[in-house]
Amino acid sequence: MRFGFKSLLQAFAFTRRSRTIHVLRLAIIISPAASISGFARADQIPLPPDAAAIIEREKMSPIPAEGGWYVQTWLSPDIITGSALPARYSGRAHPAGTAIEVVETTRGFSALHRLPTDEIWHFYGGTPIEFLLLFPDGSIKRPTLDSAHPTLTAPGGVWQGSRPQGDGPDWSFAGTTMAPGFIPDDFAIGNRRNLERLYPAARNEINLLTRTTR
């Protein structure tokens, strides 16, 4: 379903503004949970009990392609028109802001992906989260999100991936905020082979933080 909303938005682009906003909001709310293509059914993988409790309490769903579990906690009612946004947004309208809660596990990690907007992460509990940030200029950063460093910004245009620290059945609970807010067309999943070629110094981490090779 997620791939059909682009055409829906285009079809309604010349209708009344209220109708366009309605379709945009529908895409944001429904699309992330509507398909788990490319994601190995994380809701069927045995979970650490504490992580399972949070997922059930917060009524989280698997995140398509990227991995992990999420629930949207805020969707701004204000819409920014595409013409008012920088060129990297390709003329697409966006909500003024969005926020989600996220649970990651060792197997339900956040695969390397890229967004046009800075994503601000907030640490809530569990194991510290190790990030891999791959910048367009070839530089690499490996920050950690934890109780001592409870906020972290993954810049727009940078490949970002993350997983709980350690090799055991670990889990992490966090949240993210974006402004302008997320829409499905913003999301690009990382290709393992391409990223390993561009960032050979991070080959091992890229292998851990990708699910797709093509």
N, C-alpha and C. Protein backbone atom coordinates (compact mmCIF):
# COMPACT_ATOMS: atom_id res chain seq x y z
N MET A 1 0.81 -1.22 0.00
CA MET A 1 0.00 0.00 0.00
C MET A 1 0.85 1.27 0.00
N ARG A 2 2.03 1.27 0.65
CA ARG A 2 2.76 2.52 0.79
C ARG A 2 3.11 3.13 -0.55
N PHE A 3 3.32 2.27 -1.59
CA PHE A 3 3.76 2.79 -2.85
C PHE A 3 2.62 3.40 -3.65
N GLY A 4 1.38 3.20 -3.22
CA GLY A 4 0.26 3.78 -3.93
C GLY A 4 -0.06 5.20 -3.51
N PHE A 5 0.46 5.65 -2.39
CA PHE A 5 0.07 6.95 -1.88
C PHE A 5 0.70 8.10 -2.66
N LYS A 6 1.87 7.84 -3.30
CA LYS A 6 2.47 8.90 -4.11
C LYS A 6 1.52 9.29 -5.24
N SER A 7 0.96 8.29 -5.91
CA SER A 7 0.04 8.60 -7.00
C SER A 7 -1.24 9.24 -6.48
N LEU A 8 -1.68 8.83 -5.28
CA LEU A 8 -2.86 9.47 -4.70
C LEU A 8 -2.61 10.95 -4.45
N LEU A 9 -1.43 11.25 -3.87
CA LEU A 9 -1.12 12.65 -3.59
C LEU A 9 -1.07 13.46 -4.89
N GLN A 10 -0.48 12.88 -5.93
CA GLN A 10 -0.40 13.58 -7.20
C GLN A 10 -1.80 13.81 -7.79
N ALA A 11 -2.66 12.80 -7.65
CA ALA A 11 -4.00 12.90 -8.22
C ALA A 11 -4.81 14.01 -7.57
N PHE A 12 -4.55 14.25 -6.28
CA PHE A 12 -5.33 15.26 -5.56
C PHE A 12 -4.60 16.60 -5.47
N ALA A 13 -3.45 16.71 -6.10
CA ALA A 13 -2.61 17.90 -5.92
C ALA A 13 -3.32 19.17 -6.37
N PHE A 14 -4.26 19.07 -7.33
CA PHE A 14 -4.90 20.26 -7.86
C PHE A 14 -6.33 20.45 -7.31
N THR A 15 -6.68 19.67 -6.30
CA THR A 15 -7.99 19.84 -5.69
C THR A 15 -7.90 20.86 -4.57
N ARG A 16 -9.02 21.03 -3.86
CA ARG A 16 -9.04 21.97 -2.75
C ARG A 16 -7.98 21.61 -1.74
N ARG A 17 -7.38 22.60 -1.07
CA ARG A 17 -6.28 22.38 -0.13
C ARG A 17 -6.69 21.43 0.98
N SER A 18 -7.92 21.54 1.46
CA SER A 18 -8.36 20.67 2.56
C SER A 18 -8.34 19.22 2.16
N ARG A 19 -8.72 18.92 0.89
CA ARG A 19 -8.72 17.54 0.44
C ARG A 19 -7.29 17.02 0.30
N THR A 20 -6.38 17.86 -0.20
CA THR A 20 -4.98 17.46 -0.32
C THR A 20 -4.40 17.13 1.05
N ILE A 21 -4.71 17.96 2.04
CA ILE A 21 -4.22 17.72 3.40
C ILE A 21 -4.76 16.40 3.93
N HIS A 22 -6.03 16.12 3.66
CA HIS A 22 -6.62 14.87 4.13
C HIS A 22 -5.88 13.66 3.57
N VAL A 23 -5.59 13.69 2.26
CA VAL A 23 -4.89 12.57 1.64
C VAL A 23 -3.48 12.44 2.19
N LEU A 24 -2.78 13.57 2.39
CA LEU A 24 -1.44 13.54 2.94
C LEU A 24 -1.43 12.93 4.33
N ARG A 25 -2.34 13.35 5.18
CA ARG A 25 -2.40 12.82 6.53
C ARG A 25 -2.72 11.33 6.51
N LEU A 26 -3.61 10.91 5.60
CA LEU A 26 -3.95 9.49 5.49
C LEU A 26 -2.72 8.67 5.14
N ALA A 27 -1.89 9.18 4.20
CA ALA A 27 -0.67 8.47 3.80
C ALA A 27 0.28 8.33 4.96
N ILE A 28 0.45 9.39 5.75
CA ILE A 28 1.38 9.37 6.87
C ILE A 28 0.93 8.38 7.93
N ILE A 29 -0.37 8.35 8.22
CA ILE A 29 -0.88 7.51 9.29
C ILE A 29 -0.91 6.04 8.89
N ILE A 30 -1.36 5.74 7.66
CA ILE A 30 -1.58 4.35 7.27
C ILE A 30 -0.34 3.69 6.70
N SER A 31 0.41 4.41 5.87
CA SER A 31 1.44 3.76 5.07
C SER A 31 2.48 2.99 5.86
N PRO A 32 3.09 3.52 6.96
CA PRO A 32 4.15 2.78 7.61
C PRO A 32 3.73 1.43 8.14
N ALA A 33 2.49 1.26 8.54
CA ALA A 33 2.05 -0.01 9.11
C ALA A 33 1.36 -0.91 8.10
N ALA A 34 1.20 -0.43 6.86
CA ALA A 34 0.40 -1.15 5.90
C ALA A 34 1.15 -2.25 5.18
N SER A 35 2.49 -2.21 5.20
CA SER A 35 3.28 -3.21 4.51
C SER A 35 4.52 -3.53 5.31
N ILE A 36 4.92 -4.80 5.30
CA ILE A 36 6.18 -5.15 5.94
C ILE A 36 7.12 -5.76 4.92
N SER A 37 6.96 -5.33 3.65
CA SER A 37 7.84 -5.79 2.58
C SER A 37 9.28 -5.47 2.93
N GLY A 38 10.16 -6.46 2.78
CA GLY A 38 11.57 -6.27 3.05
C GLY A 38 11.93 -6.38 4.51
N PHE A 39 10.97 -6.66 5.36
CA PHE A 39 11.21 -6.74 6.80
C PHE A 39 10.84 -8.12 7.27
N ALA A 40 11.73 -8.76 8.01
CA ALA A 40 11.59 -10.18 8.32
C ALA A 40 10.62 -10.45 9.47
N ARG A 41 9.42 -9.92 9.35
CA ARG A 41 8.36 -10.20 10.32
C ARG A 41 8.87 -10.13 11.74
N ALA A 42 9.35 -8.95 12.13
CA ALA A 42 9.93 -8.80 13.46
C ALA A 42 8.93 -9.10 14.57
N ASP A 43 7.63 -8.95 14.27
CA ASP A 43 6.63 -9.23 15.31
C ASP A 43 6.51 -10.72 15.57
N GLN A 44 7.15 -11.58 14.73
CA GLN A 44 7.11 -13.01 14.98
C GLN A 44 8.41 -13.53 15.62
N ILE A 45 9.41 -12.64 15.78
CA ILE A 45 10.67 -13.02 16.40
C ILE A 45 10.52 -12.90 17.91
N PRO A 46 10.94 -13.93 18.69
CA PRO A 46 10.82 -13.83 20.15
C PRO A 46 11.51 -12.57 20.68
N LEU A 47 10.83 -11.88 21.56
CA LEU A 47 11.32 -10.60 22.06
C LEU A 47 11.71 -10.71 23.53
N PRO A 48 12.69 -9.90 23.97
CA PRO A 48 12.93 -9.78 25.41
C PRO A 48 11.63 -9.36 26.10
N PRO A 49 11.31 -9.92 27.25
CA PRO A 49 10.02 -9.63 27.91
C PRO A 49 9.75 -8.14 28.12
N ASP A 50 10.78 -7.38 28.54
CA ASP A 50 10.55 -5.95 28.78
C ASP A 50 10.22 -5.21 27.48
N ALA A 51 10.90 -5.59 26.40
CA ALA A 51 10.60 -4.97 25.11
C ALA A 51 9.19 -5.32 24.66
N ALA A 52 8.82 -6.59 24.82
CA ALA A 52 7.48 -7.02 24.43
C ALA A 52 6.41 -6.27 25.21
N ALA A 53 6.68 -6.00 26.49
CA ALA A 53 5.72 -5.29 27.32
C ALA A 53 5.51 -3.85 26.83
N ILE A 54 6.61 -3.20 26.43
CA ILE A 54 6.50 -1.82 25.92
C ILE A 54 5.75 -1.81 24.60
N ILE A 55 6.08 -2.74 23.72
CA ILE A 55 5.42 -2.81 22.41
C ILE A 55 3.92 -3.02 22.57
N GLU A 56 3.55 -3.89 23.51
CA GLU A 56 2.12 -4.14 23.75
C GLU A 56 1.46 -2.93 24.40
N ARG A 57 2.11 -2.35 25.40
CA ARG A 57 1.53 -1.20 26.11
C ARG A 57 1.32 0.00 25.18
N GLU A 58 2.31 0.25 24.32
CA GLU A 58 2.23 1.42 23.44
C GLU A 58 1.53 1.11 22.12
N LYS A 59 1.10 -0.15 21.94
CA LYS A 59 0.41 -0.57 20.72
C LYS A 59 1.26 -0.28 19.47
N MET A 60 2.50 -0.73 19.51
CA MET A 60 3.44 -0.50 18.42
C MET A 60 3.25 -1.50 17.28
N SER A 61 3.70 -1.09 16.10
CA SER A 61 3.67 -1.92 14.90
C SER A 61 5.09 -2.06 14.35
N PRO A 62 5.36 -3.14 13.58
CA PRO A 62 6.67 -3.27 12.93
C PRO A 62 6.90 -2.12 11.94
N ILE A 63 8.13 -1.65 11.86
CA ILE A 63 8.49 -0.61 10.90
C ILE A 63 8.89 -1.28 9.59
N PRO A 64 8.21 -0.99 8.49
CA PRO A 64 8.54 -1.63 7.21
C PRO A 64 9.97 -1.34 6.78
N ALA A 65 10.65 -2.35 6.25
CA ALA A 65 11.99 -2.24 5.65
C ALA A 65 13.06 -1.84 6.66
N GLU A 66 12.82 -0.79 7.43
CA GLU A 66 13.85 -0.30 8.36
C GLU A 66 14.08 -1.25 9.51
N GLY A 67 13.00 -1.75 10.12
CA GLY A 67 13.11 -2.64 11.27
C GLY A 67 12.78 -1.94 12.57
N GLY A 68 12.58 -2.73 13.61
CA GLY A 68 12.16 -2.20 14.89
C GLY A 68 10.64 -2.08 14.96
N TRP A 69 10.16 -1.41 16.00
CA TRP A 69 8.72 -1.22 16.23
C TRP A 69 8.48 0.23 16.55
N TYR A 70 7.29 0.74 16.20
CA TYR A 70 7.04 2.16 16.42
C TYR A 70 5.55 2.41 16.70
N VAL A 71 5.30 3.59 17.26
CA VAL A 71 3.96 4.15 17.33
C VAL A 71 4.09 5.65 17.14
N GLN A 72 3.24 6.22 16.32
CA GLN A 72 3.27 7.67 16.13
C GLN A 72 2.57 8.33 17.31
N THR A 73 3.25 9.26 17.96
CA THR A 73 2.70 9.93 19.13
C THR A 73 2.25 11.36 18.85
N TRP A 74 2.68 11.90 17.70
CA TRP A 74 2.28 13.27 17.35
C TRP A 74 2.34 13.45 15.85
N LEU A 75 1.28 14.02 15.30
CA LEU A 75 1.23 14.43 13.89
C LEU A 75 0.64 15.83 13.87
N SER A 76 1.47 16.81 13.53
CA SER A 76 1.00 18.19 13.52
C SER A 76 -0.17 18.35 12.55
N PRO A 77 -1.19 19.10 12.94
CA PRO A 77 -2.31 19.36 12.02
C PRO A 77 -1.95 20.41 10.96
N ASP A 78 -0.82 21.07 11.13
CA ASP A 78 -0.40 22.11 10.18
C ASP A 78 0.39 21.49 9.04
N ILE A 79 0.08 21.91 7.82
CA ILE A 79 0.72 21.39 6.63
C ILE A 79 1.57 22.48 5.97
N ILE A 80 2.82 22.12 5.62
CA ILE A 80 3.70 23.04 4.90
C ILE A 80 3.66 22.66 3.42
N THR A 81 3.31 23.59 2.57
CA THR A 81 3.22 23.28 1.14
C THR A 81 4.61 22.99 0.59
N GLY A 82 4.66 22.19 -0.46
CA GLY A 82 5.93 21.83 -1.06
C GLY A 82 6.71 23.04 -1.57
N SER A 83 6.01 24.04 -2.07
CA SER A 83 6.69 25.22 -2.61
C SER A 83 7.38 26.03 -1.52
N ALA A 84 6.99 25.84 -0.26
CA ALA A 84 7.60 26.58 0.85
C ALA A 84 8.80 25.85 1.44
N LEU A 85 9.08 24.63 0.96
CA LEU A 85 10.17 23.82 1.50
C LEU A 85 11.38 23.84 0.57
N PRO A 86 12.58 23.53 1.10
CA PRO A 86 13.77 23.47 0.24
C PRO A 86 13.62 22.43 -0.87
N ALA A 87 14.47 22.54 -1.88
CA ALA A 87 14.36 21.70 -3.08
C ALA A 87 14.49 20.21 -2.75
N ARG A 88 15.19 19.86 -1.67
CA ARG A 88 15.39 18.44 -1.36
C ARG A 88 14.09 17.72 -1.04
N TYR A 89 13.01 18.46 -0.81
CA TYR A 89 11.72 17.84 -0.54
C TYR A 89 10.90 17.61 -1.81
N SER A 90 11.47 17.93 -2.95
CA SER A 90 10.87 17.62 -4.27
C SER A 90 9.46 18.16 -4.45
N GLY A 91 9.16 19.28 -3.82
CA GLY A 91 7.86 19.90 -4.01
C GLY A 91 6.72 19.23 -3.27
N ARG A 92 7.03 18.29 -2.39
CA ARG A 92 5.97 17.55 -1.67
C ARG A 92 5.57 18.29 -0.39
N ALA A 93 4.26 18.36 -0.14
CA ALA A 93 3.77 18.93 1.11
C ALA A 93 4.12 18.01 2.28
N HIS A 94 4.37 18.60 3.45
CA HIS A 94 4.72 17.85 4.65
C HIS A 94 3.96 18.41 5.85
N PRO A 95 3.67 17.56 6.84
CA PRO A 95 3.17 18.10 8.10
C PRO A 95 4.27 18.92 8.76
N ALA A 96 3.90 19.88 9.59
CA ALA A 96 4.90 20.72 10.24
C ALA A 96 5.83 19.91 11.14
N GLY A 97 5.34 18.80 11.69
CA GLY A 97 6.19 17.97 12.54
C GLY A 97 5.54 16.64 12.85
N THR A 98 6.36 15.65 13.18
CA THR A 98 5.89 14.33 13.62
C THR A 98 6.79 13.82 14.72
N ALA A 99 6.27 12.91 15.52
CA ALA A 99 7.05 12.27 16.57
C ALA A 99 6.61 10.82 16.70
N ILE A 100 7.57 9.94 16.99
CA ILE A 100 7.27 8.53 17.21
C ILE A 100 8.03 8.02 18.43
N GLU A 101 7.55 6.91 18.99
CA GLU A 101 8.29 6.11 19.95
C GLU A 101 8.78 4.87 19.22
N VAL A 102 9.96 4.37 19.61
CA VAL A 102 10.61 3.27 18.91
C VAL A 102 11.16 2.26 19.90
N VAL A 103 11.02 0.99 19.57
CA VAL A 103 11.75 -0.07 20.27
C VAL A 103 12.64 -0.77 19.26
N GLU A 104 13.92 -0.91 19.61
CA GLU A 104 14.86 -1.67 18.80
C GLU A 104 15.35 -2.87 19.59
N THR A 105 15.66 -3.96 18.89
CA THR A 105 16.29 -5.12 19.50
C THR A 105 17.50 -5.49 18.64
N THR A 106 18.27 -6.47 19.12
CA THR A 106 19.45 -6.88 18.36
C THR A 106 19.08 -7.32 16.95
N ARG A 107 17.97 -8.03 16.81
CA ARG A 107 17.52 -8.47 15.49
C ARG A 107 16.56 -7.47 14.86
N GLY A 108 15.85 -6.75 15.66
CA GLY A 108 14.94 -5.71 15.15
C GLY A 108 15.62 -4.35 15.17
N PHE A 109 16.78 -4.28 14.50
CA PHE A 109 17.57 -3.05 14.47
C PHE A 109 17.01 -2.07 13.43
N SER A 110 17.51 -0.84 13.49
CA SER A 110 17.14 0.19 12.51
C SER A 110 18.14 0.13 11.37
N ALA A 111 17.72 -0.41 10.22
CA ALA A 111 18.63 -0.56 9.08
C ALA A 111 19.03 0.80 8.51
N LEU A 112 20.20 0.83 7.90
CA LEU A 112 20.69 2.07 7.32
C LEU A 112 19.69 2.65 6.32
N HIS A 113 19.36 3.91 6.54
CA HIS A 113 18.40 4.59 5.69
C HIS A 113 18.73 6.07 5.68
N ARG A 114 18.09 6.79 4.76
CA ARG A 114 18.37 8.22 4.62
C ARG A 114 17.06 8.99 4.55
N LEU A 115 17.05 10.16 5.19
CA LEU A 115 15.90 11.05 5.21
C LEU A 115 16.36 12.46 4.84
N PRO A 116 15.49 13.29 4.29
CA PRO A 116 15.90 14.65 3.96
C PRO A 116 15.90 15.60 5.16
N THR A 117 15.33 15.16 6.27
CA THR A 117 15.14 16.00 7.45
C THR A 117 16.00 15.51 8.60
N ASP A 118 16.54 16.43 9.40
CA ASP A 118 17.21 16.04 10.63
C ASP A 118 16.23 15.26 11.51
N GLU A 119 16.71 14.16 12.09
CA GLU A 119 15.88 13.36 12.99
C GLU A 119 16.50 13.43 14.39
N ILE A 120 15.75 13.96 15.33
CA ILE A 120 16.24 14.11 16.70
C ILE A 120 15.79 12.91 17.52
N TRP A 121 16.75 12.17 18.05
CA TRP A 121 16.49 10.97 18.86
C TRP A 121 16.53 11.31 20.34
N HIS A 122 15.66 10.62 21.11
CA HIS A 122 15.59 10.80 22.57
C HIS A 122 15.65 9.42 23.22
N PHE A 123 16.51 9.27 24.21
CA PHE A 123 16.66 7.98 24.87
C PHE A 123 15.69 7.86 26.04
N TYR A 124 14.95 6.74 26.09
CA TYR A 124 13.98 6.51 27.17
C TYR A 124 14.37 5.37 28.11
N GLY A 125 15.07 4.37 27.61
CA GLY A 125 15.43 3.27 28.50
C GLY A 125 15.99 2.07 27.78
N GLY A 126 16.40 1.06 28.57
CA GLY A 126 16.98 -0.14 28.00
C GLY A 126 18.46 0.01 27.77
N THR A 127 18.98 -0.73 26.79
CA THR A 127 20.40 -0.73 26.45
C THR A 127 20.76 0.51 25.63
N PRO A 128 21.96 1.09 25.82
CA PRO A 128 22.38 2.19 24.95
C PRO A 128 22.29 1.80 23.48
N ILE A 129 22.04 2.79 22.63
CA ILE A 129 21.89 2.55 21.19
C ILE A 129 23.14 3.05 20.47
N GLU A 130 23.76 2.17 19.71
CA GLU A 130 24.93 2.53 18.91
C GLU A 130 24.49 2.93 17.50
N PHE A 131 24.94 4.09 17.05
CA PHE A 131 24.59 4.61 15.74
C PHE A 131 25.77 4.54 14.78
N LEU A 132 25.45 4.38 13.51
CA LEU A 132 26.41 4.54 12.43
C LEU A 132 25.86 5.62 11.51
N LEU A 133 26.64 6.70 11.35
CA LEU A 133 26.25 7.81 10.48
C LEU A 133 27.27 7.93 9.35
N LEU A 134 26.79 7.81 8.11
CA LEU A 134 27.65 7.85 6.94
C LEU A 134 27.34 9.13 6.15
N PHE A 135 28.31 10.04 6.11
CA PHE A 135 28.09 11.36 5.55
C PHE A 135 28.43 11.41 4.05
N PRO A 136 27.79 12.32 3.31
CA PRO A 136 28.04 12.41 1.86
C PRO A 136 29.50 12.65 1.50
N ASP A 137 30.26 13.30 2.38
CA ASP A 137 31.67 13.59 2.08
C ASP A 137 32.59 12.40 2.39
N GLY A 138 32.01 11.26 2.78
CA GLY A 138 32.79 10.07 3.07
C GLY A 138 33.16 9.89 4.52
N SER A 139 32.89 10.88 5.36
CA SER A 139 33.22 10.77 6.78
C SER A 139 32.22 9.86 7.49
N ILE A 140 32.64 9.35 8.64
CA ILE A 140 31.86 8.38 9.40
C ILE A 140 31.84 8.80 10.87
N LYS A 141 30.68 8.73 11.49
CA LYS A 141 30.58 8.97 12.93
C LYS A 141 29.84 7.80 13.57
N ARG A 142 30.21 7.54 14.85
CA ARG A 142 29.65 6.40 15.57
C ARG A 142 29.20 6.84 16.97
N PRO A 143 28.20 7.71 17.06
CA PRO A 143 27.74 8.18 18.37
C PRO A 143 26.90 7.14 19.10
N THR A 144 26.73 7.35 20.39
CA THR A 144 25.90 6.48 21.23
C THR A 144 24.81 7.30 21.90
N LEU A 145 23.60 6.76 21.91
CA LEU A 145 22.46 7.36 22.60
C LEU A 145 22.22 6.57 23.87
N ASP A 146 22.30 7.24 25.03
CA ASP A 146 22.10 6.56 26.31
C ASP A 146 21.70 7.57 27.37
N SER A 147 21.65 7.13 28.62
CA SER A 147 21.20 8.02 29.70
C SER A 147 22.17 9.18 29.92
N ALA A 148 23.45 8.98 29.59
CA ALA A 148 24.43 10.06 29.73
C ALA A 148 24.40 11.01 28.54
N HIS A 149 23.92 10.53 27.40
CA HIS A 149 23.78 11.33 26.18
C HIS A 149 22.38 11.09 25.63
N PRO A 150 21.37 11.71 26.26
CA PRO A 150 19.97 11.33 25.98
C PRO A 150 19.37 11.89 24.71
N THR A 151 20.07 12.77 24.00
CA THR A 151 19.57 13.25 22.71
C THR A 151 20.69 13.15 21.67
N LEU A 152 20.27 12.94 20.44
CA LEU A 152 21.22 12.80 19.33
C LEU A 152 20.50 13.21 18.06
N THR A 153 21.18 13.94 17.20
CA THR A 153 20.58 14.35 15.93
C THR A 153 21.25 13.61 14.78
N ALA A 154 20.46 12.88 14.01
CA ALA A 154 20.92 12.27 12.77
C ALA A 154 20.60 13.27 11.66
N PRO A 155 21.61 13.89 11.06
CA PRO A 155 21.35 14.95 10.08
C PRO A 155 20.65 14.43 8.83
N GLY A 156 19.84 15.27 8.23
CA GLY A 156 19.23 14.92 6.96
C GLY A 156 20.28 14.71 5.89
N GLY A 157 20.01 13.80 4.96
CA GLY A 157 20.94 13.51 3.90
C GLY A 157 22.07 12.56 4.27
N VAL A 158 22.08 12.09 5.51
CA VAL A 158 23.11 11.18 6.01
C VAL A 158 22.51 9.79 6.18
N TRP A 159 23.24 8.76 5.78
CA TRP A 159 22.79 7.39 6.04
C TRP A 159 22.91 7.10 7.52
N GLN A 160 21.81 6.70 8.14
CA GLN A 160 21.81 6.40 9.57
C GLN A 160 21.28 5.00 9.82
N GLY A 161 21.92 4.30 10.76
CA GLY A 161 21.45 2.99 11.21
C GLY A 161 21.81 2.85 12.67
N SER A 162 21.08 2.01 13.39
CA SER A 162 21.35 1.87 14.82
C SER A 162 20.86 0.53 15.34
N ARG A 163 21.45 0.12 16.47
CA ARG A 163 21.08 -1.13 17.13
C ARG A 163 21.48 -1.05 18.59
N PRO A 164 20.81 -1.83 19.45
CA PRO A 164 21.22 -1.86 20.86
C PRO A 164 22.66 -2.34 21.00
N GLN A 165 23.35 -1.78 21.96
CA GLN A 165 24.73 -2.16 22.23
C GLN A 165 24.81 -3.59 22.73
N GLY A 166 25.80 -4.34 22.28
CA GLY A 166 25.98 -5.71 22.74
C GLY A 166 25.48 -6.74 21.76
N ASP A 167 25.78 -8.00 22.05
CA ASP A 167 25.43 -9.10 21.14
C ASP A 167 24.34 -10.01 21.71
N GLY A 168 23.87 -9.74 22.91
CA GLY A 168 22.84 -10.58 23.51
C GLY A 168 21.45 -10.15 23.10
N PRO A 169 20.44 -10.69 23.76
CA PRO A 169 19.03 -10.32 23.44
C PRO A 169 18.67 -8.97 24.04
N ASP A 170 19.35 -7.92 23.56
CA ASP A 170 19.18 -6.59 24.14
C ASP A 170 18.07 -5.82 23.45
N TRP A 171 17.60 -4.77 24.11
CA TRP A 171 16.54 -3.94 23.57
C TRP A 171 16.75 -2.50 24.02
N SER A 172 16.17 -1.57 23.28
CA SER A 172 16.26 -0.15 23.60
C SER A 172 14.92 0.51 23.30
N PHE A 173 14.61 1.53 24.11
CA PHE A 173 13.37 2.29 23.96
C PHE A 173 13.75 3.74 23.74
N ALA A 174 13.27 4.32 22.64
CA ALA A 174 13.64 5.69 22.29
C ALA A 174 12.48 6.37 21.59
N GLY A 175 12.69 7.63 21.24
CA GLY A 175 11.72 8.37 20.46
C GLY A 175 12.44 9.25 19.46
N THR A 176 11.73 9.69 18.42
CA THR A 176 12.32 10.62 17.47
C THR A 176 11.31 11.71 17.12
N THR A 177 11.85 12.89 16.79
CA THR A 177 11.04 14.03 16.39
C THR A 177 11.61 14.60 15.10
N MET A 178 10.73 14.99 14.18
CA MET A 178 11.16 15.56 12.91
C MET A 178 10.30 16.78 12.56
N ALA A 179 10.96 17.81 12.02
CA ALA A 179 10.26 19.01 11.55
C ALA A 179 11.01 19.57 10.34
N PRO A 180 10.38 19.64 9.16
CA PRO A 180 9.02 19.15 8.88
C PRO A 180 8.91 17.66 9.12
N GLY A 181 7.67 17.22 9.27
CA GLY A 181 7.42 15.84 9.65
C GLY A 181 7.67 14.84 8.54
N PHE A 182 7.70 13.58 8.95
CA PHE A 182 7.96 12.47 8.03
C PHE A 182 6.76 12.20 7.13
N ILE A 183 7.06 11.92 5.86
CA ILE A 183 6.08 11.29 4.96
C ILE A 183 6.80 10.10 4.31
N PRO A 184 6.07 9.07 3.88
CA PRO A 184 6.71 7.86 3.33
C PRO A 184 7.65 8.11 2.16
N ASP A 185 7.35 9.11 1.32
CA ASP A 185 8.21 9.37 0.16
C ASP A 185 9.59 9.89 0.56
N ASP A 186 9.76 10.29 1.81
CA ASP A 186 11.07 10.78 2.27
C ASP A 186 12.07 9.64 2.45
N PHE A 187 11.58 8.43 2.63
CA PHE A 187 12.41 7.32 3.10
C PHE A 187 13.17 6.63 1.97
N ALA A 188 14.48 6.43 2.17
CA ALA A 188 15.31 5.66 1.24
C ALA A 188 16.10 4.63 2.03
N ILE A 189 15.97 3.34 1.68
CA ILE A 189 16.68 2.28 2.39
C ILE A 189 18.07 2.11 1.78
N GLY A 190 19.04 1.76 2.62
CA GLY A 190 20.41 1.61 2.17
C GLY A 190 20.66 0.26 1.49
N ASN A 191 21.51 0.28 0.49
CA ASN A 191 21.93 -0.92 -0.23
C ASN A 191 23.30 -1.35 0.28
N ARG A 192 23.39 -2.58 0.78
CA ARG A 192 24.63 -3.03 1.42
C ARG A 192 25.84 -2.90 0.51
N ARG A 193 25.74 -3.41 -0.70
CA ARG A 193 26.90 -3.40 -1.59
C ARG A 193 27.33 -1.99 -1.94
N ASN A 194 26.39 -1.14 -2.23
CA ASN A 194 26.74 0.24 -2.57
C ASN A 194 27.39 0.96 -1.40
N LEU A 195 26.84 0.77 -0.20
CA LEU A 195 27.39 1.46 0.96
C LEU A 195 28.77 0.91 1.34
N GLU A 196 28.98 -0.39 1.21
CA GLU A 196 30.30 -0.95 1.48
C GLU A 196 31.35 -0.41 0.51
N ARG A 197 30.93 -0.19 -0.74
CA ARG A 197 31.86 0.37 -1.72
C ARG A 197 32.20 1.82 -1.39
N LEU A 198 31.22 2.59 -0.93
CA LEU A 198 31.44 4.00 -0.63
C LEU A 198 32.13 4.23 0.71
N TYR A 199 31.91 3.30 1.66
CA TYR A 199 32.45 3.46 3.01
C TYR A 199 33.15 2.17 3.44
N PRO A 200 34.27 1.81 2.81
CA PRO A 200 34.93 0.53 3.12
C PRO A 200 35.38 0.41 4.57
N ALA A 201 35.67 1.53 5.23
CA ALA A 201 36.13 1.49 6.62
C ALA A 201 35.02 1.05 7.57
N ALA A 202 33.76 1.10 7.11
CA ALA A 202 32.63 0.70 7.96
C ALA A 202 31.97 -0.57 7.45
N ARG A 203 32.72 -1.39 6.69
CA ARG A 203 32.15 -2.56 6.05
C ARG A 203 31.44 -3.49 7.04
N ASN A 204 32.08 -3.80 8.15
CA ASN A 204 31.49 -4.73 9.12
C ASN A 204 30.19 -4.19 9.70
N GLU A 205 30.18 -2.91 10.03
CA GLU A 205 28.98 -2.31 10.60
C GLU A 205 27.86 -2.21 9.57
N ILE A 206 28.22 -1.89 8.33
CA ILE A 206 27.22 -1.84 7.27
C ILE A 206 26.58 -3.20 7.09
N ASN A 207 27.37 -4.25 7.16
CA ASN A 207 26.83 -5.61 7.04
C ASN A 207 25.83 -5.90 8.16
N LEU A 208 26.13 -5.41 9.36
CA LEU A 208 25.22 -5.62 10.50
C LEU A 208 23.94 -4.81 10.39
N LEU A 209 24.02 -3.66 9.71
CA LEU A 209 22.91 -2.70 9.73
C LEU A 209 22.20 -2.58 8.39
N THR A 210 22.25 -3.64 7.58
CA THR A 210 21.49 -3.66 6.33
C THR A 210 20.80 -5.01 6.19
N ARG A 211 19.68 -4.99 5.47
CA ARG A 211 18.95 -6.23 5.13
C ARG A 211 18.89 -6.45 3.62
N THR A 212 19.15 -5.41 2.86
CA THR A 212 19.04 -5.51 1.40
C THR A 212 20.41 -5.38 0.77
N THR A 213 20.67 -6.18 -0.25
CA THR A 213 21.94 -6.11 -0.98
C THR A 213 21.77 -5.58 -2.37
N ARG A 214 20.52 -5.38 -2.81
CA ARG A 214 20.26 -4.87 -4.15
C ARG A 214 19.37 -3.66 -4.11
